[in-house]
Amino acid sequence: MGSDDATPLDTLPAGPDLDAMVAESVMGEARPTHEHVHAHIQPIASPGGNWLCIPRFENGDVCEWVPLPFSTAISAAWRLVEKLEPLVSRFQTADGFVHLASAHWADHGECLYRESSAQDEEADLDPQPWSFHIHLGLLSDSPDIPTHWTHSRHFCARASTAPLAICLAALNASRPRS
């Protein structure tokens, strides 16, 4: 993964732990702690819609809050794109953009430059063909803009799947420089 600063986020695998980080850090909704007050058969969404209360009948109908599958389902990951896109550029020009790409062994832009190894050269498929880019333009005046975002910063990630690339870049964008 590439960005303005180095980060270990690119080592995170897709799954519920990453999804919980995305729900909290990117979507801004902490795991609900309240119990449901009525029995239900179908999952119930949290107020922000980023968590589902899954009834566990075998445990006395206890509610288990699980995050949406942001890192494994494109429909959930696209919620991140829809949240970020309006914030990226005030005038919705090419000055700022979000971009999803898939290309085996291609150049994914300078924010994701990586050296190819001999093993890479011999492989049939690129293990990380997907990339997601968040390039900041003239920022909107929304109070939702993270304070660490500045014009022309970029946050990018490569991954084996589109949802994972979106999640990793969005998580990177949600964290201030350390």
N, C-alpha and C. Protein backbone atom coordinates (compact mmCIF):
# COMPACT_ATOMS: atom_id res chain seq x y z
N MET A 1 0.85 -1.17 0.00
CA MET A 1 0.00 0.00 0.00
C MET A 1 0.88 1.22 0.00
N GLY A 2 0.43 2.29 -0.60
CA GLY A 2 1.21 3.50 -0.62
C GLY A 2 0.42 4.67 -0.11
N SER A 3 1.12 5.66 0.35
CA SER A 3 0.50 6.91 0.78
C SER A 3 1.61 7.88 1.07
N ASP A 4 1.24 9.00 1.64
CA ASP A 4 2.24 9.97 2.03
C ASP A 4 3.12 9.45 3.16
N ASP A 5 2.59 8.57 3.98
CA ASP A 5 3.36 8.05 5.08
C ASP A 5 3.27 6.52 5.10
N ALA A 6 4.32 5.90 5.63
CA ALA A 6 4.34 4.45 5.71
C ALA A 6 3.36 4.00 6.80
N THR A 7 2.72 2.89 6.57
CA THR A 7 1.76 2.36 7.53
C THR A 7 1.68 0.86 7.38
N PRO A 8 1.45 0.15 8.47
CA PRO A 8 1.36 -1.31 8.39
C PRO A 8 -0.03 -1.81 7.98
N LEU A 9 -0.91 -0.94 7.60
CA LEU A 9 -2.27 -1.35 7.27
C LEU A 9 -2.33 -2.36 6.14
N ASP A 10 -1.36 -2.35 5.25
CA ASP A 10 -1.41 -3.25 4.10
C ASP A 10 -1.27 -4.71 4.48
N THR A 11 -0.93 -4.99 5.72
CA THR A 11 -0.80 -6.37 6.17
C THR A 11 -2.10 -6.91 6.76
N LEU A 12 -3.11 -6.07 6.91
CA LEU A 12 -4.37 -6.52 7.50
C LEU A 12 -5.16 -7.37 6.51
N PRO A 13 -5.60 -8.55 6.94
CA PRO A 13 -6.41 -9.39 6.05
C PRO A 13 -7.87 -8.95 6.06
N ALA A 14 -8.57 -9.28 4.99
CA ALA A 14 -10.01 -9.03 4.94
C ALA A 14 -10.68 -9.87 6.02
N GLY A 15 -11.76 -9.33 6.59
CA GLY A 15 -12.50 -10.08 7.60
C GLY A 15 -13.10 -9.18 8.65
N PRO A 16 -13.75 -9.77 9.64
CA PRO A 16 -14.49 -9.00 10.65
C PRO A 16 -13.65 -8.00 11.45
N ASP A 17 -12.39 -8.34 11.75
CA ASP A 17 -11.57 -7.38 12.51
C ASP A 17 -11.31 -6.11 11.71
N LEU A 18 -10.96 -6.26 10.44
CA LEU A 18 -10.76 -5.11 9.57
C LEU A 18 -12.09 -4.36 9.38
N ASP A 19 -13.18 -5.10 9.20
CA ASP A 19 -14.50 -4.48 9.02
C ASP A 19 -14.87 -3.63 10.24
N ALA A 20 -14.56 -4.11 11.45
CA ALA A 20 -14.85 -3.34 12.66
C ALA A 20 -14.03 -2.05 12.69
N MET A 21 -12.76 -2.13 12.28
CA MET A 21 -11.93 -0.92 12.22
C MET A 21 -12.51 0.08 11.24
N VAL A 22 -12.99 -0.39 10.10
CA VAL A 22 -13.57 0.49 9.09
C VAL A 22 -14.86 1.13 9.62
N ALA A 23 -15.71 0.33 10.25
CA ALA A 23 -16.98 0.87 10.78
C ALA A 23 -16.70 1.98 11.79
N GLU A 24 -15.69 1.78 12.63
CA GLU A 24 -15.38 2.76 13.67
C GLU A 24 -14.57 3.94 13.14
N SER A 25 -13.47 3.67 12.43
CA SER A 25 -12.56 4.74 12.02
C SER A 25 -13.01 5.52 10.79
N VAL A 26 -13.57 4.84 9.81
CA VAL A 26 -13.96 5.51 8.57
C VAL A 26 -15.41 5.97 8.62
N MET A 27 -16.28 5.07 9.01
CA MET A 27 -17.71 5.41 9.03
C MET A 27 -18.13 6.14 10.30
N GLY A 28 -17.28 6.13 11.31
CA GLY A 28 -17.53 6.90 12.53
C GLY A 28 -18.59 6.34 13.45
N GLU A 29 -18.80 5.03 13.41
CA GLU A 29 -19.80 4.44 14.29
C GLU A 29 -19.16 3.33 15.12
N ALA A 30 -19.13 3.54 16.43
CA ALA A 30 -18.59 2.53 17.35
C ALA A 30 -19.52 1.33 17.41
N ARG A 31 -18.94 0.21 17.80
CA ARG A 31 -19.75 -1.01 17.97
C ARG A 31 -20.83 -0.70 19.01
N PRO A 32 -22.09 -0.94 18.66
CA PRO A 32 -23.16 -0.68 19.64
C PRO A 32 -22.98 -1.57 20.87
N THR A 33 -23.37 -1.03 21.99
CA THR A 33 -23.26 -1.79 23.23
C THR A 33 -24.63 -2.13 23.81
N HIS A 34 -25.67 -1.52 23.27
CA HIS A 34 -27.01 -1.76 23.81
C HIS A 34 -27.57 -3.10 23.33
N GLU A 35 -28.33 -3.70 24.16
CA GLU A 35 -29.02 -4.94 23.81
C GLU A 35 -30.32 -4.57 23.11
N HIS A 36 -30.80 -5.45 22.28
CA HIS A 36 -32.09 -5.20 21.66
C HIS A 36 -33.19 -5.52 22.68
N VAL A 37 -34.30 -4.86 22.53
CA VAL A 37 -35.37 -5.00 23.52
C VAL A 37 -36.49 -5.92 23.06
N HIS A 38 -36.41 -6.39 21.85
CA HIS A 38 -37.44 -7.29 21.37
C HIS A 38 -36.81 -8.42 20.55
N ALA A 39 -37.48 -9.53 20.55
CA ALA A 39 -36.98 -10.67 19.79
C ALA A 39 -37.14 -10.40 18.29
N HIS A 40 -36.23 -10.89 17.52
CA HIS A 40 -36.31 -10.75 16.07
C HIS A 40 -35.63 -11.94 15.41
N ILE A 41 -36.06 -12.20 14.22
CA ILE A 41 -35.49 -13.32 13.47
C ILE A 41 -34.43 -12.82 12.49
N GLN A 42 -34.70 -11.68 11.88
CA GLN A 42 -33.77 -11.09 10.92
C GLN A 42 -32.80 -10.14 11.63
N PRO A 43 -31.62 -9.92 11.07
CA PRO A 43 -30.69 -8.96 11.67
C PRO A 43 -31.30 -7.55 11.71
N ILE A 44 -30.91 -6.78 12.71
CA ILE A 44 -31.35 -5.40 12.85
C ILE A 44 -30.11 -4.51 12.71
N ALA A 45 -30.22 -3.44 11.94
CA ALA A 45 -29.09 -2.54 11.72
C ALA A 45 -28.94 -1.54 12.87
N SER A 46 -27.72 -1.13 13.11
CA SER A 46 -27.43 -0.08 14.09
C SER A 46 -27.93 1.25 13.55
N PRO A 47 -27.99 2.29 14.38
CA PRO A 47 -28.47 3.59 13.91
C PRO A 47 -27.73 4.12 12.66
N GLY A 48 -26.41 3.90 12.58
CA GLY A 48 -25.64 4.36 11.42
C GLY A 48 -25.63 3.37 10.27
N GLY A 49 -26.16 2.18 10.52
CA GLY A 49 -26.24 1.17 9.47
C GLY A 49 -24.94 0.43 9.19
N ASN A 50 -23.94 0.56 10.06
CA ASN A 50 -22.65 -0.07 9.82
C ASN A 50 -22.44 -1.36 10.61
N TRP A 51 -23.38 -1.67 11.48
CA TRP A 51 -23.34 -2.86 12.31
C TRP A 51 -24.69 -3.56 12.22
N LEU A 52 -24.68 -4.88 12.36
CA LEU A 52 -25.92 -5.65 12.38
C LEU A 52 -26.00 -6.44 13.68
N CYS A 53 -27.19 -6.43 14.28
CA CYS A 53 -27.45 -7.26 15.45
C CYS A 53 -27.94 -8.60 14.92
N ILE A 54 -27.11 -9.61 15.08
CA ILE A 54 -27.44 -10.95 14.63
C ILE A 54 -27.96 -11.73 15.83
N PRO A 55 -29.21 -12.17 15.80
CA PRO A 55 -29.73 -12.92 16.95
C PRO A 55 -29.07 -14.29 17.05
N ARG A 56 -28.65 -14.62 18.23
CA ARG A 56 -28.03 -15.92 18.51
C ARG A 56 -28.96 -16.70 19.43
N PHE A 57 -29.87 -17.43 18.82
CA PHE A 57 -30.90 -18.14 19.57
C PHE A 57 -30.31 -19.18 20.51
N GLU A 58 -29.22 -19.81 20.07
CA GLU A 58 -28.60 -20.85 20.90
C GLU A 58 -27.97 -20.27 22.16
N ASN A 59 -27.80 -18.97 22.21
CA ASN A 59 -27.23 -18.30 23.38
C ASN A 59 -28.28 -17.48 24.13
N GLY A 60 -29.52 -17.90 24.07
CA GLY A 60 -30.58 -17.20 24.79
C GLY A 60 -31.03 -15.93 24.08
N ASP A 61 -30.97 -15.91 22.77
CA ASP A 61 -31.39 -14.76 21.96
C ASP A 61 -30.56 -13.51 22.26
N VAL A 62 -29.28 -13.73 22.53
CA VAL A 62 -28.36 -12.63 22.78
C VAL A 62 -28.00 -11.97 21.46
N CYS A 63 -27.94 -10.67 21.47
CA CYS A 63 -27.59 -9.91 20.27
C CYS A 63 -26.07 -9.88 20.10
N GLU A 64 -25.61 -10.27 18.94
CA GLU A 64 -24.18 -10.18 18.63
C GLU A 64 -24.03 -9.14 17.52
N TRP A 65 -23.37 -8.02 17.84
CA TRP A 65 -23.18 -6.95 16.86
C TRP A 65 -21.97 -7.28 15.99
N VAL A 66 -22.19 -7.36 14.69
CA VAL A 66 -21.11 -7.62 13.74
C VAL A 66 -21.08 -6.49 12.71
N PRO A 67 -19.89 -6.11 12.24
CA PRO A 67 -19.81 -5.04 11.25
C PRO A 67 -20.28 -5.52 9.88
N LEU A 68 -20.70 -4.59 9.05
CA LEU A 68 -20.97 -4.94 7.65
C LEU A 68 -19.69 -5.51 7.05
N PRO A 69 -19.79 -6.36 6.06
CA PRO A 69 -18.59 -6.97 5.47
C PRO A 69 -17.88 -6.04 4.48
N PHE A 70 -17.42 -4.90 4.98
CA PHE A 70 -16.79 -3.89 4.12
C PHE A 70 -15.64 -4.47 3.29
N SER A 71 -14.83 -5.34 3.88
CA SER A 71 -13.62 -5.81 3.20
C SER A 71 -13.84 -7.01 2.27
N THR A 72 -15.06 -7.55 2.26
CA THR A 72 -15.30 -8.73 1.42
C THR A 72 -16.49 -8.57 0.47
N ALA A 73 -17.32 -7.58 0.66
CA ALA A 73 -18.50 -7.39 -0.20
C ALA A 73 -18.44 -6.00 -0.84
N ILE A 74 -18.48 -5.95 -2.15
CA ILE A 74 -18.35 -4.67 -2.85
C ILE A 74 -19.50 -3.72 -2.50
N SER A 75 -20.70 -4.25 -2.25
CA SER A 75 -21.82 -3.37 -1.91
C SER A 75 -21.57 -2.65 -0.58
N ALA A 76 -20.95 -3.31 0.37
CA ALA A 76 -20.62 -2.66 1.64
C ALA A 76 -19.44 -1.71 1.45
N ALA A 77 -18.41 -2.13 0.71
CA ALA A 77 -17.25 -1.27 0.47
C ALA A 77 -17.64 0.00 -0.27
N TRP A 78 -18.63 -0.11 -1.14
CA TRP A 78 -19.02 1.07 -1.92
C TRP A 78 -19.62 2.15 -1.03
N ARG A 79 -20.12 1.78 0.14
CA ARG A 79 -20.60 2.79 1.10
C ARG A 79 -19.45 3.72 1.50
N LEU A 80 -18.23 3.19 1.56
CA LEU A 80 -17.06 4.01 1.88
C LEU A 80 -16.81 5.01 0.76
N VAL A 81 -16.89 4.53 -0.47
CA VAL A 81 -16.68 5.41 -1.62
C VAL A 81 -17.72 6.54 -1.60
N GLU A 82 -18.97 6.18 -1.36
CA GLU A 82 -20.04 7.19 -1.34
C GLU A 82 -19.86 8.19 -0.21
N LYS A 83 -19.25 7.79 0.89
CA LYS A 83 -18.99 8.72 2.00
C LYS A 83 -17.82 9.64 1.67
N LEU A 84 -16.77 9.09 1.08
CA LEU A 84 -15.55 9.86 0.83
C LEU A 84 -15.63 10.78 -0.38
N GLU A 85 -16.26 10.32 -1.44
CA GLU A 85 -16.23 11.06 -2.71
C GLU A 85 -16.67 12.51 -2.58
N PRO A 86 -17.77 12.84 -1.91
CA PRO A 86 -18.16 14.25 -1.83
C PRO A 86 -17.19 15.12 -1.04
N LEU A 87 -16.35 14.51 -0.20
CA LEU A 87 -15.41 15.28 0.62
C LEU A 87 -14.10 15.57 -0.09
N VAL A 88 -13.79 14.81 -1.13
CA VAL A 88 -12.47 14.84 -1.74
C VAL A 88 -12.19 16.13 -2.52
N SER A 89 -13.17 16.69 -3.18
CA SER A 89 -12.94 17.91 -3.96
C SER A 89 -14.15 18.83 -3.84
N ARG A 90 -13.89 20.06 -3.43
CA ARG A 90 -14.98 21.02 -3.24
C ARG A 90 -15.74 21.26 -4.53
N PHE A 91 -15.05 21.35 -5.64
CA PHE A 91 -15.70 21.70 -6.89
C PHE A 91 -15.94 20.50 -7.79
N GLN A 92 -15.70 19.31 -7.30
CA GLN A 92 -15.87 18.08 -8.06
C GLN A 92 -15.20 18.17 -9.44
N THR A 93 -13.95 18.56 -9.40
CA THR A 93 -13.15 18.65 -10.61
C THR A 93 -12.07 17.58 -10.56
N ALA A 94 -11.26 17.53 -11.56
CA ALA A 94 -10.17 16.56 -11.60
C ALA A 94 -9.08 16.88 -10.58
N ASP A 95 -9.23 18.02 -9.89
CA ASP A 95 -8.27 18.41 -8.87
C ASP A 95 -8.21 17.36 -7.75
N GLY A 96 -9.35 16.77 -7.42
CA GLY A 96 -9.41 15.73 -6.41
C GLY A 96 -10.28 14.60 -6.93
N PHE A 97 -9.92 13.36 -6.61
CA PHE A 97 -10.71 12.26 -7.14
C PHE A 97 -10.54 11.00 -6.32
N VAL A 98 -11.49 10.08 -6.47
CA VAL A 98 -11.35 8.71 -6.00
C VAL A 98 -11.34 7.85 -7.26
N HIS A 99 -10.59 6.77 -7.22
CA HIS A 99 -10.39 5.99 -8.43
C HIS A 99 -10.15 4.53 -8.04
N LEU A 100 -10.90 3.63 -8.64
CA LEU A 100 -10.73 2.19 -8.45
C LEU A 100 -10.19 1.62 -9.76
N ALA A 101 -9.14 0.81 -9.66
CA ALA A 101 -8.55 0.25 -10.88
C ALA A 101 -8.21 -1.22 -10.67
N SER A 102 -8.25 -1.96 -11.75
CA SER A 102 -7.80 -3.35 -11.75
C SER A 102 -6.94 -3.56 -12.98
N ALA A 103 -5.73 -4.00 -12.75
CA ALA A 103 -4.82 -4.26 -13.85
C ALA A 103 -3.69 -5.14 -13.35
N HIS A 104 -3.54 -6.29 -13.95
CA HIS A 104 -2.47 -7.19 -13.55
C HIS A 104 -1.13 -6.66 -14.03
N TRP A 105 -0.20 -6.58 -13.10
CA TRP A 105 1.18 -6.16 -13.34
C TRP A 105 1.27 -4.77 -13.95
N ALA A 106 0.29 -3.95 -13.75
CA ALA A 106 0.30 -2.60 -14.34
C ALA A 106 0.84 -1.58 -13.35
N ASP A 107 1.15 -0.42 -13.88
CA ASP A 107 1.54 0.71 -13.06
C ASP A 107 0.27 1.29 -12.45
N HIS A 108 0.17 1.28 -11.15
CA HIS A 108 -1.01 1.78 -10.46
C HIS A 108 -0.80 3.22 -9.97
N GLY A 109 0.17 3.90 -10.52
CA GLY A 109 0.41 5.29 -10.13
C GLY A 109 1.56 5.40 -9.15
N GLU A 110 2.09 6.61 -9.05
CA GLU A 110 3.28 6.78 -8.22
C GLU A 110 3.01 6.59 -6.73
N CYS A 111 1.78 6.73 -6.29
CA CYS A 111 1.52 6.50 -4.86
C CYS A 111 1.53 5.02 -4.51
N LEU A 112 1.60 4.15 -5.52
CA LEU A 112 1.64 2.70 -5.27
C LEU A 112 2.80 2.02 -5.98
N TYR A 113 3.85 2.74 -6.20
CA TYR A 113 4.99 2.16 -6.90
C TYR A 113 5.59 1.02 -6.06
N ARG A 114 5.91 -0.08 -6.73
CA ARG A 114 6.60 -1.17 -6.05
C ARG A 114 7.56 -1.82 -7.04
N GLU A 115 8.65 -2.29 -6.51
CA GLU A 115 9.64 -3.01 -7.31
C GLU A 115 9.12 -4.41 -7.60
N SER A 116 9.33 -4.89 -8.79
CA SER A 116 8.95 -6.27 -9.14
C SER A 116 10.10 -7.19 -8.81
N SER A 117 9.77 -8.30 -8.21
CA SER A 117 10.80 -9.30 -7.90
C SER A 117 10.84 -10.34 -9.02
N ALA A 118 11.84 -11.19 -9.00
CA ALA A 118 11.94 -12.26 -9.98
C ALA A 118 10.74 -13.19 -9.85
N GLN A 119 10.30 -13.42 -8.63
CA GLN A 119 9.12 -14.26 -8.39
C GLN A 119 7.88 -13.61 -9.02
N ASP A 120 7.74 -12.30 -8.89
CA ASP A 120 6.63 -11.59 -9.52
C ASP A 120 6.64 -11.79 -11.03
N GLU A 121 7.82 -11.69 -11.61
CA GLU A 121 7.96 -11.78 -13.06
C GLU A 121 7.52 -13.15 -13.59
N GLU A 122 7.68 -14.20 -12.77
CA GLU A 122 7.34 -15.55 -13.20
C GLU A 122 5.88 -15.93 -12.92
N ALA A 123 5.21 -15.17 -12.08
CA ALA A 123 3.83 -15.50 -11.71
C ALA A 123 2.87 -15.19 -12.86
N ASP A 124 1.84 -16.00 -12.97
CA ASP A 124 0.83 -15.77 -14.00
C ASP A 124 -0.10 -14.63 -13.64
N LEU A 125 -0.46 -14.54 -12.36
CA LEU A 125 -1.40 -13.53 -11.92
C LEU A 125 -0.78 -12.62 -10.88
N ASP A 126 -1.13 -11.37 -10.94
CA ASP A 126 -0.71 -10.40 -9.95
C ASP A 126 -1.49 -10.68 -8.66
N PRO A 127 -0.83 -10.86 -7.52
CA PRO A 127 -1.57 -11.13 -6.29
C PRO A 127 -2.34 -9.91 -5.77
N GLN A 128 -2.02 -8.74 -6.28
CA GLN A 128 -2.71 -7.51 -5.87
C GLN A 128 -3.07 -6.67 -7.10
N PRO A 129 -4.02 -7.14 -7.90
CA PRO A 129 -4.35 -6.41 -9.12
C PRO A 129 -5.24 -5.19 -8.91
N TRP A 130 -5.86 -5.05 -7.74
CA TRP A 130 -6.80 -3.96 -7.48
C TRP A 130 -6.11 -2.82 -6.76
N SER A 131 -6.45 -1.61 -7.13
CA SER A 131 -5.96 -0.45 -6.38
C SER A 131 -7.10 0.55 -6.21
N PHE A 132 -7.05 1.25 -5.09
CA PHE A 132 -8.01 2.32 -4.83
C PHE A 132 -7.23 3.54 -4.43
N HIS A 133 -7.59 4.67 -5.03
CA HIS A 133 -6.86 5.92 -4.85
C HIS A 133 -7.79 7.01 -4.33
N ILE A 134 -7.34 7.73 -3.33
CA ILE A 134 -8.03 8.92 -2.84
C ILE A 134 -7.02 10.06 -2.98
N HIS A 135 -7.26 10.94 -3.93
CA HIS A 135 -6.38 12.09 -4.15
C HIS A 135 -7.17 13.34 -3.79
N LEU A 136 -6.69 14.06 -2.79
CA LEU A 136 -7.42 15.21 -2.29
C LEU A 136 -7.21 16.44 -3.17
N GLY A 137 -8.31 17.11 -3.44
CA GLY A 137 -8.28 18.36 -4.20
C GLY A 137 -8.57 19.52 -3.27
N LEU A 138 -9.19 20.56 -3.80
CA LEU A 138 -9.64 21.67 -2.97
C LEU A 138 -10.79 21.13 -2.14
N LEU A 139 -10.57 21.01 -0.86
CA LEU A 139 -11.49 20.28 0.01
C LEU A 139 -12.80 21.03 0.21
N SER A 140 -13.85 20.26 0.37
CA SER A 140 -15.16 20.84 0.64
C SER A 140 -15.11 21.50 2.01
N ASP A 141 -16.11 22.31 2.30
CA ASP A 141 -16.15 22.99 3.60
C ASP A 141 -16.97 22.19 4.61
N SER A 142 -17.14 20.92 4.36
CA SER A 142 -17.90 20.04 5.24
C SER A 142 -17.19 19.87 6.59
N PRO A 143 -17.95 19.85 7.68
CA PRO A 143 -17.32 19.57 8.98
C PRO A 143 -16.85 18.11 9.09
N ASP A 144 -17.21 17.28 8.12
CA ASP A 144 -16.80 15.88 8.12
C ASP A 144 -15.38 15.67 7.60
N ILE A 145 -14.74 16.73 7.10
CA ILE A 145 -13.37 16.61 6.58
C ILE A 145 -12.43 16.34 7.75
N PRO A 146 -11.65 15.26 7.69
CA PRO A 146 -10.65 15.03 8.75
C PRO A 146 -9.65 16.18 8.82
N THR A 147 -9.26 16.54 10.01
CA THR A 147 -8.37 17.70 10.19
C THR A 147 -6.99 17.47 9.60
N HIS A 148 -6.57 16.25 9.40
CA HIS A 148 -5.25 15.97 8.83
C HIS A 148 -5.24 15.97 7.30
N TRP A 149 -6.40 16.13 6.67
CA TRP A 149 -6.44 16.18 5.22
C TRP A 149 -6.00 17.55 4.75
N THR A 150 -5.13 17.58 3.76
CA THR A 150 -4.69 18.82 3.14
C THR A 150 -4.71 18.64 1.62
N HIS A 151 -4.82 19.76 0.92
CA HIS A 151 -4.86 19.73 -0.54
C HIS A 151 -3.67 18.93 -1.08
N SER A 152 -3.92 18.10 -2.03
CA SER A 152 -2.97 17.28 -2.79
C SER A 152 -2.40 16.07 -2.04
N ARG A 153 -2.85 15.79 -0.83
CA ARG A 153 -2.46 14.53 -0.19
C ARG A 153 -3.14 13.39 -0.92
N HIS A 154 -2.58 12.22 -0.82
CA HIS A 154 -3.22 11.06 -1.42
C HIS A 154 -3.04 9.84 -0.52
N PHE A 155 -4.03 8.96 -0.61
CA PHE A 155 -4.06 7.73 0.16
C PHE A 155 -4.43 6.62 -0.83
N CYS A 156 -3.58 5.63 -0.95
CA CYS A 156 -3.79 4.60 -1.95
C CYS A 156 -3.50 3.23 -1.34
N ALA A 157 -4.10 2.21 -1.92
CA ALA A 157 -3.85 0.85 -1.47
C ALA A 157 -4.00 -0.12 -2.62
N ARG A 158 -3.23 -1.18 -2.56
CA ARG A 158 -3.37 -2.31 -3.49
C ARG A 158 -3.80 -3.51 -2.69
N ALA A 159 -4.59 -4.38 -3.33
CA ALA A 159 -5.05 -5.59 -2.65
C ALA A 159 -5.48 -6.63 -3.66
N SER A 160 -5.80 -7.79 -3.14
CA SER A 160 -6.23 -8.91 -4.00
C SER A 160 -7.66 -8.72 -4.50
N THR A 161 -8.46 -7.92 -3.80
CA THR A 161 -9.85 -7.69 -4.19
C THR A 161 -10.16 -6.20 -4.12
N ALA A 162 -11.18 -5.79 -4.85
CA ALA A 162 -11.60 -4.39 -4.83
C ALA A 162 -12.07 -3.95 -3.44
N PRO A 163 -12.94 -4.72 -2.76
CA PRO A 163 -13.37 -4.27 -1.43
C PRO A 163 -12.21 -4.08 -0.45
N LEU A 164 -11.23 -4.97 -0.50
CA LEU A 164 -10.09 -4.85 0.41
C LEU A 164 -9.26 -3.62 0.08
N ALA A 165 -9.02 -3.34 -1.20
CA ALA A 165 -8.26 -2.14 -1.58
C ALA A 165 -8.99 -0.88 -1.12
N ILE A 166 -10.30 -0.83 -1.28
CA ILE A 166 -11.08 0.32 -0.84
C ILE A 166 -10.95 0.50 0.67
N CYS A 167 -11.09 -0.58 1.42
CA CYS A 167 -11.01 -0.50 2.88
C CYS A 167 -9.64 -0.02 3.35
N LEU A 168 -8.58 -0.57 2.78
CA LEU A 168 -7.24 -0.20 3.21
C LEU A 168 -6.93 1.27 2.92
N ALA A 169 -7.32 1.76 1.75
CA ALA A 169 -7.08 3.17 1.43
C ALA A 169 -7.93 4.07 2.32
N ALA A 170 -9.19 3.70 2.54
CA ALA A 170 -10.08 4.50 3.38
C ALA A 170 -9.58 4.53 4.83
N LEU A 171 -9.11 3.41 5.33
CA LEU A 171 -8.55 3.39 6.69
C LEU A 171 -7.32 4.27 6.78
N ASN A 172 -6.47 4.19 5.78
CA ASN A 172 -5.28 5.03 5.75
C ASN A 172 -5.68 6.51 5.76
N ALA A 173 -6.71 6.85 4.99
CA ALA A 173 -7.15 8.25 4.94
C ALA A 173 -7.77 8.70 6.25
N SER A 174 -8.29 7.77 7.03
CA SER A 174 -8.96 8.14 8.28
C SER A 174 -7.99 8.40 9.43
N ARG A 175 -6.74 8.06 9.24
CA ARG A 175 -5.76 8.17 10.33
C ARG A 175 -4.81 9.34 10.13
N PRO A 176 -4.64 10.15 11.15
CA PRO A 176 -3.68 11.26 11.04
C PRO A 176 -2.25 10.71 10.99
N ARG A 177 -1.36 11.53 10.47
CA ARG A 177 0.06 11.13 10.44
C ARG A 177 0.54 10.92 11.86
N SER A 178 1.44 9.96 12.00
CA SER A 178 2.00 9.75 13.34
C SER A 178 3.39 10.30 13.45
